[in-house]
Amino acid sequence: ILQTNELFDKKPVATTKAAPDLNFTLRLKKKELRTGVCQQEVVANTLEALENYFECYKLSVGFPEMIFPSLVTLKNFSRKTRVTRWRSEIRELVAKLTKWSDRIKSKRATVSFGPANVTRAAAFSSALEREDHESNLLKKNKAENEITLDQIENQPKDSPSDEESDDDMDDEEHEESKKQLKENAKEKAKKKQKVEKVVVGTEDVVEDMLELSSSDEE
């Protein structure tokens, strides 16, 4: 698609129509292919398809040789096109593919087999896959730890934590209990005073009755 010179050499035609949905389109008319929105959709989908395809083989021991023809085509198209957006998108894709390729080159520099050895080539890819999985787990755990630390650091200082709230509740309950004990002690003291008054009054009455009885006997 990117080597279709007659499609991208000429200036695109302006249009008010929406871009076609290429996921459900089998064929485009030549008139549609001349429009800028259609060409943008074609290029964007082509680059996306290339990235998804090569990502499936980025752990293969023969990946650098696999992407070489596509890298040449992408760089040639980037030099020829006059659309700044396309050049930027192609540079990003080329950089990503080159990064994947350099990794395979550095990893396979220490091995003594080639792509023809299917068993060892598969083991090579499996080892890289495990390495990526472990790396992703470490990154995920690190991100979660950073989020937890941020939450702790950003916690408002004036708002008590759950532990402090529990301590405050315990202190309040203790004070309430002491207050209740004091009230009970006061109540008991009052009752005791009333009983003493009754007892003292009773003793006075008894003494008076004894005095009266003794005087009657006389």
C-alpha atoms as a PDB file:
ATOM      1  CA  ILE A   1       0.000   0.000   0.000  1.00  0.00           C
ATOM      2  CA  LEU A   2       2.755   2.463   0.932  1.00  0.00           C
ATOM      3  CA  GLN A   3       4.483   1.769  -2.394  1.00  0.00           C
ATOM      4  CA  THR A   4       1.459   2.924  -4.409  1.00  0.00           C
ATOM      5  CA  ASN A   5       3.004   6.076  -5.895  1.00  0.00           C
ATOM      6  CA  GLU A   6      -0.026   7.137  -7.928  1.00  0.00           C
ATOM      7  CA  LEU A   7      -2.085   7.104  -4.739  1.00  0.00           C
ATOM      8  CA  PHE A   8       0.086   9.416  -2.615  1.00  0.00           C
ATOM      9  CA  ASP A   9       2.106  11.474  -5.114  1.00  0.00           C
ATOM     10  CA  LYS A  10      -0.763  13.740  -6.062  1.00  0.00           C
ATOM     11  CA  LYS A  11      -2.344  16.342  -3.812  1.00  0.00           C
ATOM     12  CA  PRO A  12      -5.400  14.916  -1.986  1.00  0.00           C
ATOM     13  CA  VAL A  13      -8.887  16.166  -2.805  1.00  0.00           C
ATOM     14  CA  ALA A  14     -10.805  17.999  -0.097  1.00  0.00           C
ATOM     15  CA  THR A  15     -14.149  16.553   0.944  1.00  0.00           C
ATOM     16  CA  THR A  16     -16.782  16.960   3.640  1.00  0.00           C
ATOM     17  CA  LYS A  17     -17.541  13.238   3.827  1.00  0.00           C
ATOM     18  CA  ALA A  18     -16.550  11.195   6.850  1.00  0.00           C
ATOM     19  CA  ALA A  19     -13.644   8.780   6.671  1.00  0.00           C
ATOM     20  CA  PRO A  20     -14.610   5.250   5.577  1.00  0.00           C
ATOM     21  CA  ASP A  21     -14.613   2.442   8.133  1.00  0.00           C
ATOM     22  CA  LEU A  22     -12.028   0.109   6.620  1.00  0.00           C
ATOM     23  CA  ASN A  23     -12.886  -2.665   9.064  1.00  0.00           C
ATOM     24  CA  PHE A  24     -16.093  -3.285   7.118  1.00  0.00           C
ATOM     25  CA  THR A  25     -14.991  -2.142   3.646  1.00  0.00           C
ATOM     26  CA  LEU A  26     -13.891  -4.570   0.941  1.00  0.00           C
ATOM     27  CA  ARG A  27     -13.257  -2.074  -1.849  1.00  0.00           C
ATOM     28  CA  LEU A  28     -12.897   1.678  -2.294  1.00  0.00           C
ATOM     29  CA  LYS A  29     -13.699   3.736  -5.360  1.00  0.00           C
ATOM     30  CA  LYS A  30     -10.844   5.634  -7.048  1.00  0.00           C
ATOM     31  CA  LYS A  31     -12.639   8.896  -6.334  1.00  0.00           C
ATOM     32  CA  GLU A  32     -12.681   8.069  -2.621  1.00  0.00           C
ATOM     33  CA  LEU A  33      -8.989   7.148  -2.648  1.00  0.00           C
ATOM     34  CA  ARG A  34      -8.143  10.660  -3.806  1.00  0.00           C
ATOM     35  CA  THR A  35      -9.668  12.303  -0.720  1.00  0.00           C
ATOM     36  CA  GLY A  36      -7.481  13.330   2.194  1.00  0.00           C
ATOM     37  CA  VAL A  37      -9.634  11.680   4.892  1.00  0.00           C
ATOM     38  CA  CYS A  38      -9.580   8.361   3.038  1.00  0.00           C
ATOM     39  CA  GLN A  39      -5.815   8.446   2.519  1.00  0.00           C
ATOM     40  CA  GLN A  40      -5.277   9.265   6.192  1.00  0.00           C
ATOM     41  CA  GLU A  41      -7.444   6.302   7.201  1.00  0.00           C
ATOM     42  CA  VAL A  42      -5.558   3.988   4.819  1.00  0.00           C
ATOM     43  CA  VAL A  43      -2.129   5.036   6.110  1.00  0.00           C
ATOM     44  CA  ALA A  44      -3.194   4.886   9.787  1.00  0.00           C
ATOM     45  CA  ASN A  45      -4.669   1.403   9.402  1.00  0.00           C
ATOM     46  CA  THR A  46      -1.618   0.197   7.463  1.00  0.00           C
ATOM     47  CA  LEU A  47       0.802   1.335  10.169  1.00  0.00           C
ATOM     48  CA  GLU A  48      -1.387  -0.145  12.893  1.00  0.00           C
ATOM     49  CA  ALA A  49      -1.582  -3.483  11.076  1.00  0.00           C
ATOM     50  CA  LEU A  50       2.198  -3.556  10.617  1.00  0.00           C
ATOM     51  CA  GLU A  51       2.824  -2.868  14.302  1.00  0.00           C
ATOM     52  CA  ASN A  52       0.354  -5.532  15.449  1.00  0.00           C
ATOM     53  CA  TYR A  53       1.819  -8.081  13.031  1.00  0.00           C
ATOM     54  CA  PHE A  54       5.458  -7.538  14.013  1.00  0.00           C
ATOM     55  CA  GLU A  55       4.604  -7.455  17.714  1.00  0.00           C
ATOM     56  CA  CYS A  56       3.575 -11.113  17.417  1.00  0.00           C
ATOM     57  CA  TYR A  57       7.135 -12.018  16.342  1.00  0.00           C
ATOM     58  CA  LYS A  58       9.212  -9.516  18.350  1.00  0.00           C
ATOM     59  CA  LEU A  59      10.645 -12.351  20.499  1.00  0.00           C
ATOM     60  CA  SER A  60      11.701 -14.457  17.524  1.00  0.00           C
ATOM     61  CA  VAL A  61      15.418 -15.070  17.059  1.00  0.00           C
ATOM     62  CA  GLY A  62      15.080 -14.068  13.384  1.00  0.00           C
ATOM     63  CA  PHE A  63      13.156 -10.823  14.050  1.00  0.00           C
ATOM     64  CA  PRO A  64      15.876  -8.395  12.811  1.00  0.00           C
ATOM     65  CA  GLU A  65      15.977 -10.047   9.374  1.00  0.00           C
ATOM     66  CA  MET A  66      12.197 -10.275   9.303  1.00  0.00           C
ATOM     67  CA  ILE A  67      11.573  -6.534   9.612  1.00  0.00           C
ATOM     68  CA  PHE A  68      14.384  -5.368   7.318  1.00  0.00           C
ATOM     69  CA  PRO A  69      12.329  -5.074   4.082  1.00  0.00           C
ATOM     70  CA  SER A  70       9.514  -3.265   5.879  1.00  0.00           C
ATOM     71  CA  LEU A  71      11.937  -0.811   7.489  1.00  0.00           C
ATOM     72  CA  VAL A  72      13.318   0.077   4.043  1.00  0.00           C
ATOM     73  CA  THR A  73       9.808   0.686   2.675  1.00  0.00           C
ATOM     74  CA  LEU A  74       8.748   2.775   5.680  1.00  0.00           C
ATOM     75  CA  LYS A  75      11.839   4.984   5.508  1.00  0.00           C
ATOM     76  CA  ASN A  76      11.425   5.521   1.754  1.00  0.00           C
ATOM     77  CA  PHE A  77       7.769   6.478   2.181  1.00  0.00           C
ATOM     78  CA  SER A  78       8.669   8.859   5.026  1.00  0.00           C
ATOM     79  CA  ARG A  79      11.170  10.658   2.789  1.00  0.00           C
ATOM     80  CA  LYS A  80       8.739  10.973  -0.115  1.00  0.00           C
ATOM     81  CA  THR A  81       5.527  11.985   1.643  1.00  0.00           C
ATOM     82  CA  ARG A  82       4.680  15.649   2.162  1.00  0.00           C
ATOM     83  CA  VAL A  83       2.311  14.963   5.051  1.00  0.00           C
ATOM     84  CA  THR A  84       3.981  15.851   8.350  1.00  0.00           C
ATOM     85  CA  ARG A  85       1.640  13.675  10.368  1.00  0.00           C
ATOM     86  CA  TRP A  86       2.544  10.572   8.356  1.00  0.00           C
ATOM     87  CA  ARG A  87       6.262  11.215   8.738  1.00  0.00           C
ATOM     88  CA  SER A  88       5.847  11.515  12.503  1.00  0.00           C
ATOM     89  CA  GLU A  89       3.800   8.304  12.784  1.00  0.00           C
ATOM     90  CA  ILE A  90       6.267   6.382  10.601  1.00  0.00           C
ATOM     91  CA  ARG A  91       9.241   7.585  12.668  1.00  0.00           C
ATOM     92  CA  GLU A  92       7.535   6.310  15.817  1.00  0.00           C
ATOM     93  CA  LEU A  93       6.889   2.900  14.269  1.00  0.00           C
ATOM     94  CA  VAL A  94      10.437   2.628  12.886  1.00  0.00           C
ATOM     95  CA  ALA A  95      11.855   3.519  16.320  1.00  0.00           C
ATOM     96  CA  LYS A  96       9.722   0.844  18.006  1.00  0.00           C
ATOM     97  CA  LEU A  97      10.664  -1.852  15.502  1.00  0.00           C
ATOM     98  CA  THR A  98      14.339  -0.910  15.761  1.00  0.00           C
ATOM     99  CA  LYS A  99      14.205  -1.141  19.556  1.00  0.00           C
ATOM    100  CA  TRP A 100      12.721  -4.645  19.369  1.00  0.00           C
ATOM    101  CA  SER A 101      15.320  -5.640  16.783  1.00  0.00           C
ATOM    102  CA  ASP A 102      18.258  -4.328  18.836  1.00  0.00           C
ATOM    103  CA  ARG A 103      17.095  -6.322  21.846  1.00  0.00           C
ATOM    104  CA  ILE A 104      17.057  -9.574  19.838  1.00  0.00           C
ATOM    105  CA  LYS A 105      20.498  -8.809  18.400  1.00  0.00           C
ATOM    106  CA  SER A 106      21.984  -8.300  21.853  1.00  0.00           C
ATOM    107  CA  LYS A 107      20.329 -11.441  23.273  1.00  0.00           C
ATOM    108  CA  ARG A 108      21.297 -13.747  20.438  1.00  0.00           C
ATOM    109  CA  ALA A 109      24.903 -12.534  20.371  1.00  0.00           C
ATOM    110  CA  THR A 110      25.727 -15.122  23.048  1.00  0.00           C
ATOM    111  CA  VAL A 111      23.951 -18.123  21.465  1.00  0.00           C
ATOM    112  CA  SER A 112      25.405 -20.628  19.007  1.00  0.00           C
ATOM    113  CA  PHE A 113      22.333 -21.648  16.995  1.00  0.00           C
ATOM    114  CA  GLY A 114      20.258 -20.168  14.202  1.00  0.00           C
ATOM    115  CA  PRO A 115      16.564 -20.020  13.245  1.00  0.00           C
ATOM    116  CA  ALA A 116      16.866 -23.466  11.635  1.00  0.00           C
ATOM    117  CA  ASN A 117      17.173 -25.057  15.091  1.00  0.00           C
ATOM    118  CA  VAL A 118      13.469 -24.910  15.889  1.00  0.00           C
ATOM    119  CA  THR A 119      13.723 -26.372  19.408  1.00  0.00           C
ATOM    120  CA  ARG A 120      16.392 -23.988  20.667  1.00  0.00           C
ATOM    121  CA  ALA A 121      14.777 -21.060  18.843  1.00  0.00           C
ATOM    122  CA  ALA A 122      11.498 -21.758  20.652  1.00  0.00           C
ATOM    123  CA  ALA A 123      13.351 -21.962  23.986  1.00  0.00           C
ATOM    124  CA  PHE A 124      14.992 -18.611  23.180  1.00  0.00           C
ATOM    125  CA  SER A 125      11.604 -16.972  22.641  1.00  0.00           C
ATOM    126  CA  SER A 126      10.142 -18.599  25.777  1.00  0.00           C
ATOM    127  CA  ALA A 127      12.979 -17.249  27.912  1.00  0.00           C
ATOM    128  CA  LEU A 128      12.374 -13.722  26.618  1.00  0.00           C
ATOM    129  CA  GLU A 129       8.663 -14.100  27.239  1.00  0.00           C
ATOM    130  CA  ARG A 130       9.295 -15.061  30.882  1.00  0.00           C
ATOM    131  CA  GLU A 131      11.654 -12.128  31.221  1.00  0.00           C
ATOM    132  CA  ASP A 132       8.988  -9.733  29.920  1.00  0.00           C
ATOM    133  CA  HIS A 133       6.378 -11.220  32.242  1.00  0.00           C
ATOM    134  CA  GLU A 134       8.592 -10.795  35.312  1.00  0.00           C
ATOM    135  CA  SER A 135       9.485  -7.259  34.265  1.00  0.00           C
ATOM    136  CA  ASN A 136       5.815  -6.340  33.878  1.00  0.00           C
ATOM    137  CA  LEU A 137       5.023  -7.762  37.327  1.00  0.00           C
ATOM    138  CA  LEU A 138       7.814  -5.720  38.909  1.00  0.00           C
ATOM    139  CA  LYS A 139       6.602  -2.565  37.182  1.00  0.00           C
ATOM    140  CA  LYS A 140       3.037  -3.239  38.329  1.00  0.00           C
ATOM    141  CA  ASN A 141       4.086  -3.823  41.945  1.00  0.00           C
ATOM    142  CA  LYS A 142       6.245  -0.702  41.910  1.00  0.00           C
ATOM    143  CA  ALA A 143       3.378   1.388  40.553  1.00  0.00           C
ATOM    144  CA  GLU A 144       0.986   0.025  43.202  1.00  0.00           C
ATOM    145  CA  ASN A 145       3.498   0.763  45.973  1.00  0.00           C
ATOM    146  CA  GLU A 146       3.975   4.315  44.698  1.00  0.00           C
ATOM    147  CA  ILE A 147       0.209   4.847  44.667  1.00  0.00           C
ATOM    148  CA  THR A 148      -0.052   3.567  48.246  1.00  0.00           C
ATOM    149  CA  LEU A 149       2.767   5.866  49.402  1.00  0.00           C
ATOM    150  CA  ASP A 150       1.141   8.837  47.676  1.00  0.00           C
ATOM    151  CA  GLN A 151      -2.153   8.096  49.404  1.00  0.00           C
ATOM    152  CA  ILE A 152      -0.438   7.919  52.797  1.00  0.00           C
ATOM    153  CA  GLU A 153       1.523  11.126  52.218  1.00  0.00           C
ATOM    154  CA  ASN A 154      -1.522  12.997  50.907  1.00  0.00           C
ATOM    155  CA  GLN A 155      -3.740  11.989  53.830  1.00  0.00           C
ATOM    156  CA  PRO A 156      -5.002  15.154  55.602  1.00  0.00           C
ATOM    157  CA  LYS A 157      -3.108  15.732  58.841  1.00  0.00           C
ATOM    158  CA  ASP A 158      -6.060  17.326  60.643  1.00  0.00           C
ATOM    159  CA  SER A 159      -8.291  14.326  60.122  1.00  0.00           C
ATOM    160  CA  PRO A 160      -7.552  11.549  62.649  1.00  0.00           C
ATOM    161  CA  SER A 161      -6.835   8.073  61.417  1.00  0.00           C
ATOM    162  CA  ASP A 162      -8.985   5.084  62.308  1.00  0.00           C
ATOM    163  CA  GLU A 163      -6.621   4.129  65.138  1.00  0.00           C
ATOM    164  CA  GLU A 164      -6.714   7.635  66.590  1.00  0.00           C
ATOM    165  CA  SER A 165     -10.505   7.665  66.322  1.00  0.00           C
ATOM    166  CA  ASP A 166     -10.676   4.379  68.238  1.00  0.00           C
ATOM    167  CA  ASP A 167      -8.391   5.806  70.944  1.00  0.00           C
ATOM    168  CA  ASP A 168     -10.599   8.884  71.226  1.00  0.00           C
ATOM    169  CA  MET A 169     -13.681   6.698  71.563  1.00  0.00           C
ATOM    170  CA  ASP A 170     -11.976   4.658  74.318  1.00  0.00           C
ATOM    171  CA  ASP A 171     -11.061   7.852  76.200  1.00  0.00           C
ATOM    172  CA  GLU A 172     -14.635   9.122  75.941  1.00  0.00           C
ATOM    173  CA  GLU A 173     -16.025   5.835  77.239  1.00  0.00           C
ATOM    174  CA  HIS A 174     -13.538   5.890  80.129  1.00  0.00           C
ATOM    175  CA  GLU A 175     -14.523   9.442  81.101  1.00  0.00           C
ATOM    176  CA  GLU A 176     -18.205   8.537  80.893  1.00  0.00           C
ATOM    177  CA  SER A 177     -17.617   5.515  83.140  1.00  0.00           C
ATOM    178  CA  LYS A 178     -15.787   7.627  85.742  1.00  0.00           C
ATOM    179  CA  LYS A 179     -18.587  10.184  85.668  1.00  0.00           C
ATOM    180  CA  GLN A 180     -21.177   7.457  86.213  1.00  0.00           C
ATOM    181  CA  LEU A 181     -19.226   6.014  89.166  1.00  0.00           C
ATOM    182  CA  LYS A 182     -19.064   9.445  90.796  1.00  0.00           C
ATOM    183  CA  GLU A 183     -22.796   9.938  90.414  1.00  0.00           C
ATOM    184  CA  ASN A 184     -23.468   6.498  91.899  1.00  0.00           C
ATOM    185  CA  ALA A 185     -21.205   7.279  94.870  1.00  0.00           C
ATOM    186  CA  LYS A 186     -23.024  10.567  95.482  1.00  0.00           C
ATOM    187  CA  GLU A 187     -26.383   8.800  95.307  1.00  0.00           C
ATOM    188  CA  LYS A 188     -25.259   6.185  97.824  1.00  0.00           C
ATOM    189  CA  ALA A 189     -23.993   8.916 100.161  1.00  0.00           C
ATOM    190  CA  LYS A 190     -27.347  10.690 100.029  1.00  0.00           C
ATOM    191  CA  LYS A 191     -29.222   7.467 100.812  1.00  0.00           C
ATOM    192  CA  LYS A 192     -26.861   6.783 103.707  1.00  0.00           C
ATOM    193  CA  GLN A 193     -27.508  10.239 105.150  1.00  0.00           C
ATOM    194  CA  LYS A 194     -31.265   9.687 104.937  1.00  0.00           C
ATOM    195  CA  VAL A 195     -30.957   6.344 106.743  1.00  0.00           C
ATOM    196  CA  GLU A 196     -28.820   7.920 109.472  1.00  0.00           C
ATOM    197  CA  LYS A 197     -31.387  10.690 109.961  1.00  0.00           C
ATOM    198  CA  VAL A 198     -34.160   8.119 110.262  1.00  0.00           C
ATOM    199  CA  VAL A 199     -32.153   6.063 112.754  1.00  0.00           C
ATOM    200  CA  VAL A 200     -31.298   9.121 114.864  1.00  0.00           C
ATOM    201  CA  GLY A 201     -34.943  10.221 114.877  1.00  0.00           C
ATOM    202  CA  THR A 202     -36.060   6.766 115.916  1.00  0.00           C
ATOM    203  CA  GLU A 203     -33.614   6.696 118.798  1.00  0.00           C
ATOM    204  CA  ASP A 204     -34.934  10.066 120.065  1.00  0.00           C
ATOM    205  CA  VAL A 205     -38.503   8.768 119.971  1.00  0.00           C
ATOM    206  CA  VAL A 206     -37.508   5.644 121.906  1.00  0.00           C
ATOM    207  CA  GLU A 207     -35.760   7.717 124.559  1.00  0.00           C
ATOM    208  CA  ASP A 208     -38.824   9.942 124.934  1.00  0.00           C
ATOM    209  CA  MET A 209     -41.081   6.903 125.289  1.00  0.00           C
ATOM    210  CA  LEU A 210     -38.771   5.432 127.952  1.00  0.00           C
ATOM    211  CA  GLU A 211     -38.778   8.683 129.900  1.00  0.00           C
ATOM    212  CA  LEU A 212     -42.610   8.834 129.796  1.00  0.00           C
ATOM    213  CA  SER A 213     -42.940   5.270 130.937  1.00  0.00           C
ATOM    214  CA  SER A 214     -40.557   5.809 133.836  1.00  0.00           C
ATOM    215  CA  SER A 215     -42.444   8.904 134.963  1.00  0.00           C
ATOM    216  CA  ASP A 216     -45.755   6.982 134.880  1.00  0.00           C
ATOM    217  CA  GLU A 217     -44.306   4.288 137.106  1.00  0.00           C
ATOM    218  CA  GLU A 218     -43.270   6.880 139.605  1.00  0.00           C
END
